[in-house]
């Protein structure tokens, strides 16, 4: 399997109802990750639109963005930059706080993670409201990096995250969309 379509990918994403709370349909990618051929095809599909974009760094959002981010960085010949939760990075950091539906969170990166003229692709497994992705973009831009785009395995379009990024001038691509929450 060298290429994968959304129709082919969907069966490898398990839906767990009412997790982590009632009414949520959790999209579990562990079943995708467990299949070597599907994982390889997913990484190739995530990388394909960005091959000629001059990406110098891939920034992955903790935690599942790390899984795809490192692999994408290798595919694109780029470095990898981890965007982490508070207190997880050992060197001097910068941070942004952002609003969640149930409170505040904080995203951090090393202060020397990117620099002016770097061309960065942001990656995570899923985009819902876009809060963590928008925070990551603010972090990267605060160091004068150019955020070329954002890529996700899954989009939950009803929650507006992709539209939020596009409104901010970010090209956002996903492999599969799940309507609803």
N, C-alpha and C. Protein backbone atom coordinates (compact mmCIF):
# COMPACT_ATOMS: atom_id res chain seq x y z
N UNK A 1 0.86 -1.18 0.00
CA UNK A 1 0.00 0.00 0.00
C UNK A 1 0.90 1.24 0.00
N UNK A 2 0.96 1.94 -1.13
CA UNK A 2 1.81 3.12 -1.21
C UNK A 2 1.02 4.41 -1.12
N UNK A 3 -0.23 4.38 -1.53
CA UNK A 3 -1.10 5.55 -1.41
C UNK A 3 -2.36 5.12 -0.67
N UNK A 4 -2.96 6.10 0.03
CA UNK A 4 -4.17 5.77 0.78
C UNK A 4 -5.18 6.89 0.62
N UNK A 5 -6.41 6.53 0.39
CA UNK A 5 -7.48 7.52 0.28
C UNK A 5 -8.20 7.62 1.61
N UNK A 6 -9.00 8.65 1.76
CA UNK A 6 -9.79 8.82 2.98
C UNK A 6 -10.70 7.62 3.21
N UNK A 7 -11.25 7.08 2.13
CA UNK A 7 -12.14 5.92 2.25
C UNK A 7 -11.38 4.71 2.76
N UNK A 8 -10.14 4.53 2.30
CA UNK A 8 -9.33 3.41 2.75
C UNK A 8 -8.81 3.61 4.17
N UNK A 9 -8.59 4.85 4.56
CA UNK A 9 -8.04 5.16 5.88
C UNK A 9 -9.08 5.04 7.00
N UNK A 10 -10.29 5.44 6.70
CA UNK A 10 -11.36 5.51 7.72
C UNK A 10 -11.52 4.21 8.54
N UNK A 11 -11.49 3.01 7.94
CA UNK A 11 -11.67 1.80 8.75
C UNK A 11 -10.56 1.56 9.78
N UNK A 12 -9.42 2.24 9.62
CA UNK A 12 -8.31 2.06 10.55
C UNK A 12 -8.34 3.06 11.70
N UNK A 13 -9.37 3.88 11.76
CA UNK A 13 -9.57 4.83 12.85
C UNK A 13 -10.78 4.35 13.64
N UNK A 14 -10.52 3.93 14.86
CA UNK A 14 -11.58 3.38 15.71
C UNK A 14 -12.32 4.53 16.39
N UNK A 15 -13.64 4.44 16.43
CA UNK A 15 -14.46 5.42 17.13
C UNK A 15 -14.90 4.83 18.46
N UNK A 16 -14.61 5.56 19.54
CA UNK A 16 -14.99 5.11 20.88
C UNK A 16 -16.03 6.10 21.41
N UNK A 17 -17.28 5.66 21.52
CA UNK A 17 -18.34 6.56 21.98
C UNK A 17 -18.19 6.93 23.46
N UNK A 18 -18.58 8.16 23.75
CA UNK A 18 -18.65 8.65 25.13
C UNK A 18 -17.30 8.64 25.86
N UNK A 19 -16.23 8.90 25.12
CA UNK A 19 -14.91 9.02 25.73
C UNK A 19 -14.28 10.33 25.28
N UNK A 20 -13.74 11.12 26.14
CA UNK A 20 -13.54 10.92 27.58
C UNK A 20 -14.75 11.31 28.44
N UNK A 21 -15.82 11.77 27.79
CA UNK A 21 -17.04 12.08 28.54
C UNK A 21 -18.24 11.85 27.63
N UNK A 22 -19.43 11.74 28.21
CA UNK A 22 -20.62 11.47 27.40
C UNK A 22 -20.81 12.48 26.26
N UNK A 23 -21.19 11.95 25.11
CA UNK A 23 -21.45 12.78 23.95
C UNK A 23 -20.27 12.94 23.00
N UNK A 24 -19.08 12.59 23.45
CA UNK A 24 -17.88 12.70 22.60
C UNK A 24 -17.68 11.39 21.85
N UNK A 25 -17.38 11.50 20.56
CA UNK A 25 -17.00 10.35 19.74
C UNK A 25 -15.48 10.43 19.55
N UNK A 26 -14.73 9.72 20.36
CA UNK A 26 -13.27 9.79 20.32
C UNK A 26 -12.75 9.04 19.11
N UNK A 27 -11.91 9.69 18.32
CA UNK A 27 -11.32 9.08 17.13
C UNK A 27 -9.94 8.56 17.50
N UNK A 28 -9.84 7.25 17.64
CA UNK A 28 -8.64 6.59 18.13
C UNK A 28 -7.76 6.14 16.97
N UNK A 29 -6.53 6.66 16.93
CA UNK A 29 -5.62 6.32 15.83
C UNK A 29 -4.69 5.15 16.18
N UNK A 30 -4.81 4.58 17.37
CA UNK A 30 -3.89 3.49 17.71
C UNK A 30 -4.06 2.30 16.76
N UNK A 31 -5.24 2.10 16.23
CA UNK A 31 -5.46 1.02 15.27
C UNK A 31 -4.76 1.32 13.94
N UNK A 32 -4.69 2.58 13.56
CA UNK A 32 -3.94 2.99 12.36
C UNK A 32 -2.45 2.79 12.61
N UNK A 33 -1.97 3.23 13.77
CA UNK A 33 -0.55 3.13 14.09
C UNK A 33 -0.06 1.69 14.15
N UNK A 34 -0.94 0.76 14.50
CA UNK A 34 -0.56 -0.65 14.65
C UNK A 34 -0.37 -1.37 13.33
N UNK A 35 -0.82 -0.78 12.23
CA UNK A 35 -0.72 -1.40 10.92
C UNK A 35 0.41 -0.73 10.14
N UNK A 36 1.52 -1.42 9.97
CA UNK A 36 2.72 -0.82 9.35
C UNK A 36 2.44 -0.25 7.96
N UNK A 37 1.72 -0.97 7.13
CA UNK A 37 1.46 -0.50 5.77
C UNK A 37 0.58 0.75 5.78
N UNK A 38 -0.42 0.77 6.64
CA UNK A 38 -1.32 1.92 6.72
C UNK A 38 -0.59 3.12 7.31
N UNK A 39 0.23 2.89 8.31
CA UNK A 39 1.01 3.98 8.90
C UNK A 39 1.95 4.59 7.86
N UNK A 40 2.65 3.74 7.13
CA UNK A 40 3.57 4.23 6.09
C UNK A 40 2.81 5.02 5.03
N UNK A 41 1.67 4.52 4.60
CA UNK A 41 0.87 5.21 3.58
C UNK A 41 0.31 6.53 4.13
N UNK A 42 -0.06 6.55 5.41
CA UNK A 42 -0.57 7.78 6.03
C UNK A 42 0.51 8.85 6.07
N UNK A 43 1.70 8.48 6.48
CA UNK A 43 2.81 9.45 6.52
C UNK A 43 3.12 9.95 5.11
N UNK A 44 3.13 9.07 4.14
CA UNK A 44 3.38 9.48 2.75
C UNK A 44 2.30 10.44 2.27
N UNK A 45 1.04 10.17 2.62
CA UNK A 45 -0.06 11.06 2.20
C UNK A 45 0.01 12.41 2.89
N UNK A 46 0.43 12.42 4.16
CA UNK A 46 0.58 13.70 4.86
C UNK A 46 1.71 14.52 4.25
N UNK A 47 2.77 13.87 3.82
CA UNK A 47 3.94 14.57 3.28
C UNK A 47 3.74 15.07 1.85
N UNK A 48 2.98 14.33 1.05
CA UNK A 48 2.89 14.60 -0.39
C UNK A 48 2.59 16.05 -0.76
N UNK A 49 1.61 16.71 -0.17
CA UNK A 49 1.30 18.08 -0.61
C UNK A 49 2.38 19.11 -0.27
N UNK A 50 3.32 18.73 0.57
CA UNK A 50 4.31 19.69 1.07
C UNK A 50 5.71 19.45 0.53
N UNK A 51 5.88 18.46 -0.33
CA UNK A 51 7.22 18.07 -0.81
C UNK A 51 7.99 19.21 -1.47
N UNK A 52 7.31 20.08 -2.19
CA UNK A 52 7.99 21.17 -2.90
C UNK A 52 7.79 22.51 -2.22
N UNK A 53 7.45 22.51 -0.94
CA UNK A 53 7.14 23.76 -0.22
C UNK A 53 8.33 24.34 0.52
N UNK A 54 9.49 23.71 0.41
CA UNK A 54 10.68 24.24 1.07
C UNK A 54 10.62 24.18 2.58
N UNK A 55 9.97 23.15 3.12
CA UNK A 55 9.84 23.00 4.57
C UNK A 55 11.22 22.75 5.17
N UNK A 56 11.58 23.55 6.19
CA UNK A 56 12.85 23.34 6.90
C UNK A 56 12.64 22.65 8.24
N UNK A 57 11.44 22.79 8.80
CA UNK A 57 11.12 22.19 10.11
C UNK A 57 9.67 21.71 10.14
N UNK A 58 9.46 20.63 10.85
CA UNK A 58 8.12 20.16 11.14
C UNK A 58 7.94 20.31 12.64
N UNK A 59 6.86 20.99 13.04
CA UNK A 59 6.55 21.18 14.46
C UNK A 59 5.37 20.28 14.81
N UNK A 60 5.58 19.38 15.77
CA UNK A 60 4.56 18.45 16.19
C UNK A 60 4.02 18.79 17.56
N UNK A 61 2.70 18.75 17.68
CA UNK A 61 2.03 19.06 18.94
C UNK A 61 1.94 17.80 19.79
N UNK A 62 2.35 17.91 21.05
CA UNK A 62 2.30 16.79 21.99
C UNK A 62 0.88 16.26 22.09
N UNK A 63 0.67 14.99 22.08
CA UNK A 63 1.64 13.92 22.02
C UNK A 63 1.58 13.22 20.66
N UNK A 64 0.39 13.06 20.11
CA UNK A 64 0.30 12.29 18.87
C UNK A 64 0.90 13.03 17.67
N UNK A 65 1.03 14.33 17.77
CA UNK A 65 1.72 15.08 16.71
C UNK A 65 3.19 14.71 16.63
N UNK A 66 3.76 14.18 17.73
CA UNK A 66 5.15 13.73 17.71
C UNK A 66 5.28 12.49 16.82
N UNK A 67 4.30 11.61 16.89
CA UNK A 67 4.36 10.36 16.12
C UNK A 67 4.46 10.68 14.64
N UNK A 68 3.58 11.55 14.16
CA UNK A 68 3.58 11.89 12.74
C UNK A 68 4.65 12.92 12.40
N UNK A 69 4.96 13.80 13.34
CA UNK A 69 5.91 14.87 13.09
C UNK A 69 7.31 14.39 12.78
N UNK A 70 7.80 13.46 13.57
CA UNK A 70 9.15 12.93 13.32
C UNK A 70 9.23 12.23 11.97
N UNK A 71 8.22 11.44 11.67
CA UNK A 71 8.20 10.72 10.40
C UNK A 71 8.09 11.70 9.22
N UNK A 72 7.26 12.72 9.37
CA UNK A 72 7.13 13.73 8.30
C UNK A 72 8.43 14.49 8.10
N UNK A 73 9.09 14.83 9.20
CA UNK A 73 10.37 15.54 9.09
C UNK A 73 11.36 14.70 8.27
N UNK A 74 11.42 13.41 8.53
CA UNK A 74 12.31 12.54 7.75
C UNK A 74 11.91 12.51 6.28
N UNK A 75 10.62 12.40 6.02
CA UNK A 75 10.12 12.36 4.63
C UNK A 75 10.45 13.65 3.88
N UNK A 76 10.40 14.78 4.59
CA UNK A 76 10.58 16.09 3.95
C UNK A 76 12.01 16.61 4.04
N UNK A 77 12.90 15.85 4.67
CA UNK A 77 14.28 16.30 4.82
C UNK A 77 14.38 17.52 5.71
N UNK A 78 13.56 17.57 6.75
CA UNK A 78 13.48 18.73 7.63
C UNK A 78 13.83 18.33 9.06
N UNK A 79 14.04 19.35 9.90
CA UNK A 79 14.22 19.11 11.33
C UNK A 79 12.87 18.97 12.01
N UNK A 80 12.89 18.48 13.24
CA UNK A 80 11.66 18.33 14.02
C UNK A 80 11.72 19.21 15.25
N UNK A 81 10.60 19.90 15.54
CA UNK A 81 10.48 20.78 16.70
C UNK A 81 9.29 20.31 17.54
N UNK A 82 9.53 19.88 18.79
CA UNK A 82 8.41 19.48 19.64
C UNK A 82 7.73 20.68 20.29
N UNK A 83 6.41 20.70 20.23
CA UNK A 83 5.60 21.69 20.94
C UNK A 83 4.96 20.93 22.09
N UNK A 84 5.32 21.30 23.33
CA UNK A 84 4.99 20.47 24.48
C UNK A 84 4.14 21.19 25.50
N UNK A 85 3.59 20.39 26.39
CA UNK A 85 2.85 20.93 27.52
C UNK A 85 3.83 21.50 28.54
N UNK A 86 3.31 22.27 29.45
CA UNK A 86 4.12 23.00 30.42
C UNK A 86 5.10 22.10 31.18
N UNK A 87 6.36 22.59 31.25
CA UNK A 87 7.37 21.97 32.09
C UNK A 87 8.03 20.72 31.55
N UNK A 88 7.87 20.40 30.27
CA UNK A 88 8.42 19.15 29.72
C UNK A 88 9.72 19.34 28.95
N UNK A 89 10.10 20.59 28.67
CA UNK A 89 11.31 20.83 27.88
C UNK A 89 12.45 21.29 28.79
N UNK A 90 13.67 20.79 28.56
CA UNK A 90 14.77 21.03 29.50
C UNK A 90 15.51 22.36 29.34
N UNK A 91 15.34 23.05 28.24
CA UNK A 91 16.12 24.26 27.97
C UNK A 91 15.20 25.47 28.09
N UNK A 92 15.71 26.65 27.82
CA UNK A 92 14.94 27.88 27.87
C UNK A 92 13.76 27.79 26.90
N UNK A 93 12.57 28.12 27.39
CA UNK A 93 11.37 27.97 26.57
C UNK A 93 10.63 29.30 26.41
N UNK A 94 9.78 29.32 25.41
CA UNK A 94 8.76 30.35 25.26
C UNK A 94 7.43 29.63 25.33
N UNK A 95 6.36 30.36 25.58
CA UNK A 95 5.07 29.70 25.71
C UNK A 95 3.92 30.61 25.29
N UNK A 96 2.80 29.98 25.03
CA UNK A 96 1.52 30.69 24.85
C UNK A 96 0.48 29.92 25.65
N UNK A 97 -0.44 30.66 26.20
CA UNK A 97 -1.59 30.06 26.85
C UNK A 97 -2.77 30.17 25.91
N UNK A 98 -3.64 29.19 25.97
CA UNK A 98 -4.81 29.21 25.09
C UNK A 98 -6.00 28.60 25.80
N UNK A 99 -7.15 28.98 25.33
CA UNK A 99 -8.41 28.60 25.95
C UNK A 99 -8.87 27.25 25.44
N UNK A 100 -9.24 26.40 26.38
CA UNK A 100 -9.90 25.13 26.07
C UNK A 100 -11.37 25.29 26.42
N UNK A 101 -12.18 24.35 25.98
CA UNK A 101 -13.61 24.45 26.32
C UNK A 101 -13.84 24.31 27.81
N UNK A 102 -12.87 23.78 28.54
CA UNK A 102 -13.03 23.57 29.98
C UNK A 102 -11.95 24.26 30.80
N UNK A 103 -11.23 25.24 30.24
CA UNK A 103 -10.20 25.95 31.00
C UNK A 103 -9.08 26.44 30.11
N UNK A 104 -7.92 26.63 30.70
CA UNK A 104 -6.75 27.12 29.98
C UNK A 104 -5.71 26.00 29.87
N UNK A 105 -4.88 26.10 28.84
CA UNK A 105 -3.75 25.21 28.70
C UNK A 105 -2.56 26.03 28.24
N UNK A 106 -1.40 25.41 28.21
CA UNK A 106 -0.18 26.12 27.85
C UNK A 106 0.65 25.24 26.94
N UNK A 107 1.18 25.83 25.88
CA UNK A 107 2.04 25.13 24.94
C UNK A 107 3.40 25.81 24.97
N UNK A 108 4.46 25.01 24.99
CA UNK A 108 5.82 25.56 25.06
C UNK A 108 6.69 24.98 23.96
N UNK A 109 7.74 25.72 23.63
CA UNK A 109 8.79 25.23 22.75
C UNK A 109 10.11 25.84 23.18
N UNK A 110 11.20 25.24 22.76
CA UNK A 110 12.50 25.83 23.06
C UNK A 110 12.62 27.17 22.36
N UNK A 111 13.20 28.12 23.04
CA UNK A 111 13.35 29.48 22.50
C UNK A 111 14.21 29.51 21.24
N UNK A 112 15.02 28.48 21.04
CA UNK A 112 15.85 28.42 19.83
C UNK A 112 15.35 27.32 18.87
N UNK A 113 14.09 26.94 19.00
CA UNK A 113 13.54 25.86 18.18
C UNK A 113 13.44 26.18 16.71
N UNK A 114 13.11 27.40 16.40
CA UNK A 114 13.07 27.89 15.01
C UNK A 114 13.59 29.32 15.02
N UNK A 115 13.84 29.83 13.82
CA UNK A 115 14.32 31.21 13.70
C UNK A 115 13.75 31.85 12.44
N UNK A 116 14.04 33.12 12.29
CA UNK A 116 13.61 33.86 11.10
C UNK A 116 14.06 33.10 9.85
N UNK A 117 13.20 33.06 8.89
CA UNK A 117 13.43 32.42 7.59
C UNK A 117 13.20 30.92 7.60
N UNK A 118 12.98 30.31 8.76
CA UNK A 118 12.60 28.89 8.77
C UNK A 118 11.18 28.76 8.23
N UNK A 119 10.95 27.69 7.49
CA UNK A 119 9.65 27.40 6.90
C UNK A 119 9.10 26.14 7.57
N UNK A 120 8.02 26.33 8.33
CA UNK A 120 7.57 25.30 9.25
C UNK A 120 6.20 24.74 8.83
N UNK A 121 6.08 23.43 8.96
CA UNK A 121 4.82 22.73 8.79
C UNK A 121 4.39 22.25 10.17
N UNK A 122 3.19 22.61 10.59
CA UNK A 122 2.63 22.16 11.86
C UNK A 122 1.86 20.87 11.64
N UNK A 123 2.00 19.91 12.56
CA UNK A 123 1.30 18.63 12.41
C UNK A 123 0.72 18.16 13.74
N UNK A 124 -0.45 17.55 13.64
CA UNK A 124 -1.07 16.86 14.76
C UNK A 124 -1.94 15.76 14.18
N UNK A 125 -2.40 14.86 15.03
CA UNK A 125 -3.23 13.77 14.53
C UNK A 125 -4.63 14.23 14.17
N UNK A 126 -5.14 15.25 14.89
CA UNK A 126 -6.54 15.65 14.74
C UNK A 126 -6.69 17.14 14.97
N UNK A 127 -7.59 17.76 14.20
CA UNK A 127 -7.96 19.14 14.47
C UNK A 127 -9.45 19.18 14.79
N UNK A 128 -9.76 19.79 15.91
CA UNK A 128 -11.16 19.94 16.35
C UNK A 128 -11.48 21.43 16.34
N UNK A 129 -11.35 22.10 17.47
CA UNK A 129 -11.62 23.54 17.54
C UNK A 129 -10.45 24.37 17.03
N UNK A 130 -9.27 23.77 16.97
CA UNK A 130 -8.09 24.47 16.48
C UNK A 130 -7.32 25.23 17.54
N UNK A 131 -7.70 25.09 18.80
CA UNK A 131 -7.04 25.83 19.87
C UNK A 131 -5.56 25.54 20.01
N UNK A 132 -5.19 24.27 20.05
CA UNK A 132 -3.77 23.94 20.21
C UNK A 132 -3.00 24.25 18.93
N UNK A 133 -3.60 24.05 17.77
CA UNK A 133 -2.93 24.39 16.51
C UNK A 133 -2.70 25.90 16.41
N UNK A 134 -3.69 26.70 16.75
CA UNK A 134 -3.53 28.16 16.71
C UNK A 134 -2.46 28.60 17.70
N UNK A 135 -2.40 27.96 18.87
CA UNK A 135 -1.36 28.28 19.85
C UNK A 135 0.02 27.95 19.29
N UNK A 136 0.14 26.79 18.64
CA UNK A 136 1.41 26.41 18.03
C UNK A 136 1.85 27.41 16.96
N UNK A 137 0.91 27.85 16.17
CA UNK A 137 1.22 28.84 15.13
C UNK A 137 1.70 30.14 15.76
N UNK A 138 1.03 30.58 16.83
CA UNK A 138 1.48 31.80 17.52
C UNK A 138 2.89 31.64 18.06
N UNK A 139 3.20 30.49 18.63
CA UNK A 139 4.56 30.24 19.12
C UNK A 139 5.58 30.34 18.00
N UNK A 140 5.34 29.66 16.92
CA UNK A 140 6.27 29.65 15.79
C UNK A 140 6.45 31.04 15.19
N UNK A 141 5.36 31.74 15.03
CA UNK A 141 5.43 33.09 14.48
C UNK A 141 6.11 34.07 15.43
N UNK A 142 6.04 33.81 16.74
CA UNK A 142 6.68 34.72 17.69
C UNK A 142 8.20 34.72 17.52
N UNK A 143 8.75 33.68 16.90
CA UNK A 143 10.18 33.61 16.60
C UNK A 143 10.45 33.94 15.13
N UNK A 144 9.48 34.55 14.47
CA UNK A 144 9.60 35.00 13.08
C UNK A 144 9.75 33.88 12.06
N UNK A 145 9.34 32.67 12.42
CA UNK A 145 9.32 31.60 11.44
C UNK A 145 8.10 31.78 10.55
N UNK A 146 8.18 31.26 9.34
CA UNK A 146 7.04 31.25 8.43
C UNK A 146 6.32 29.92 8.58
N UNK A 147 5.05 29.98 8.97
CA UNK A 147 4.26 28.76 9.05
C UNK A 147 3.65 28.54 7.66
N UNK A 148 4.17 27.56 6.96
CA UNK A 148 3.76 27.30 5.59
C UNK A 148 2.37 26.68 5.56
N UNK A 149 2.06 25.86 6.56
CA UNK A 149 0.76 25.21 6.61
C UNK A 149 0.66 24.30 7.81
N UNK A 150 -0.47 23.61 7.87
CA UNK A 150 -0.74 22.66 8.95
C UNK A 150 -1.37 21.43 8.33
N UNK A 151 -1.03 20.28 8.87
CA UNK A 151 -1.57 19.04 8.34
C UNK A 151 -1.99 18.12 9.47
N UNK A 152 -3.08 17.39 9.22
CA UNK A 152 -3.69 16.54 10.23
C UNK A 152 -4.16 15.25 9.57
N UNK A 153 -4.21 14.19 10.34
CA UNK A 153 -4.81 12.96 9.83
C UNK A 153 -6.31 13.13 9.78
N UNK A 154 -6.89 13.67 10.87
CA UNK A 154 -8.34 13.76 11.02
C UNK A 154 -8.78 15.20 11.21
N UNK A 155 -9.87 15.57 10.56
CA UNK A 155 -10.52 16.87 10.77
C UNK A 155 -11.94 16.61 11.26
N UNK A 156 -12.33 17.33 12.30
CA UNK A 156 -13.71 17.35 12.78
C UNK A 156 -14.28 18.71 12.36
N UNK A 157 -14.73 18.84 11.11
CA UNK A 157 -15.07 20.15 10.54
C UNK A 157 -16.18 20.89 11.28
N UNK A 158 -17.08 20.16 11.91
CA UNK A 158 -18.18 20.82 12.62
C UNK A 158 -17.70 21.66 13.80
N UNK A 159 -16.48 21.39 14.27
CA UNK A 159 -15.93 22.14 15.41
C UNK A 159 -15.14 23.37 14.97
N UNK A 160 -14.92 23.54 13.67
CA UNK A 160 -14.41 24.80 13.13
C UNK A 160 -12.92 25.05 13.17
N UNK A 161 -12.12 24.06 13.53
CA UNK A 161 -10.68 24.29 13.63
C UNK A 161 -10.00 24.64 12.32
N UNK A 162 -10.31 23.91 11.26
CA UNK A 162 -9.70 24.20 9.96
C UNK A 162 -10.09 25.59 9.49
N UNK A 163 -11.36 25.93 9.62
CA UNK A 163 -11.82 27.27 9.22
C UNK A 163 -11.09 28.35 10.03
N UNK A 164 -10.86 28.09 11.29
CA UNK A 164 -10.14 29.04 12.15
C UNK A 164 -8.73 29.28 11.64
N UNK A 165 -8.02 28.20 11.29
CA UNK A 165 -6.66 28.35 10.78
C UNK A 165 -6.65 29.06 9.43
N UNK A 166 -7.57 28.68 8.56
CA UNK A 166 -7.63 29.31 7.24
C UNK A 166 -7.95 30.79 7.34
N UNK A 167 -8.77 31.17 8.30
CA UNK A 167 -9.08 32.58 8.53
C UNK A 167 -7.82 33.35 8.93
N UNK A 168 -6.89 32.63 9.57
CA UNK A 168 -5.62 33.23 10.00
C UNK A 168 -4.54 33.10 8.91
N UNK A 169 -4.94 32.70 7.71
CA UNK A 169 -4.01 32.62 6.60
C UNK A 169 -3.18 31.36 6.52
N UNK A 170 -3.59 30.31 7.22
CA UNK A 170 -2.84 29.05 7.23
C UNK A 170 -3.55 28.03 6.35
N UNK A 171 -2.82 27.47 5.41
CA UNK A 171 -3.34 26.37 4.60
C UNK A 171 -3.38 25.13 5.49
N UNK A 172 -4.55 24.55 5.67
CA UNK A 172 -4.71 23.39 6.55
C UNK A 172 -5.29 22.22 5.76
N UNK A 173 -4.59 21.10 5.79
CA UNK A 173 -5.01 19.91 5.06
C UNK A 173 -5.18 18.74 6.01
N UNK A 174 -6.18 17.91 5.73
CA UNK A 174 -6.43 16.69 6.52
C UNK A 174 -6.70 15.54 5.56
N UNK A 175 -6.43 14.33 6.03
CA UNK A 175 -6.65 13.16 5.18
C UNK A 175 -8.07 12.65 5.22
N UNK A 176 -8.72 12.75 6.38
CA UNK A 176 -10.08 12.24 6.52
C UNK A 176 -10.88 13.16 7.42
N UNK A 177 -12.16 13.31 7.09
CA UNK A 177 -13.05 14.16 7.88
C UNK A 177 -14.13 13.29 8.52
N UNK A 178 -14.43 13.62 9.77
CA UNK A 178 -15.54 12.98 10.47
C UNK A 178 -16.52 14.08 10.86
N UNK A 179 -17.70 14.02 10.29
CA UNK A 179 -18.73 15.00 10.63
C UNK A 179 -19.19 14.75 12.06
N UNK A 180 -19.67 15.78 12.73
CA UNK A 180 -20.12 15.66 14.11
C UNK A 180 -18.96 15.78 15.07
N UNK A 181 -19.21 15.45 16.29
CA UNK A 181 -18.17 15.58 17.33
C UNK A 181 -17.61 14.23 17.62
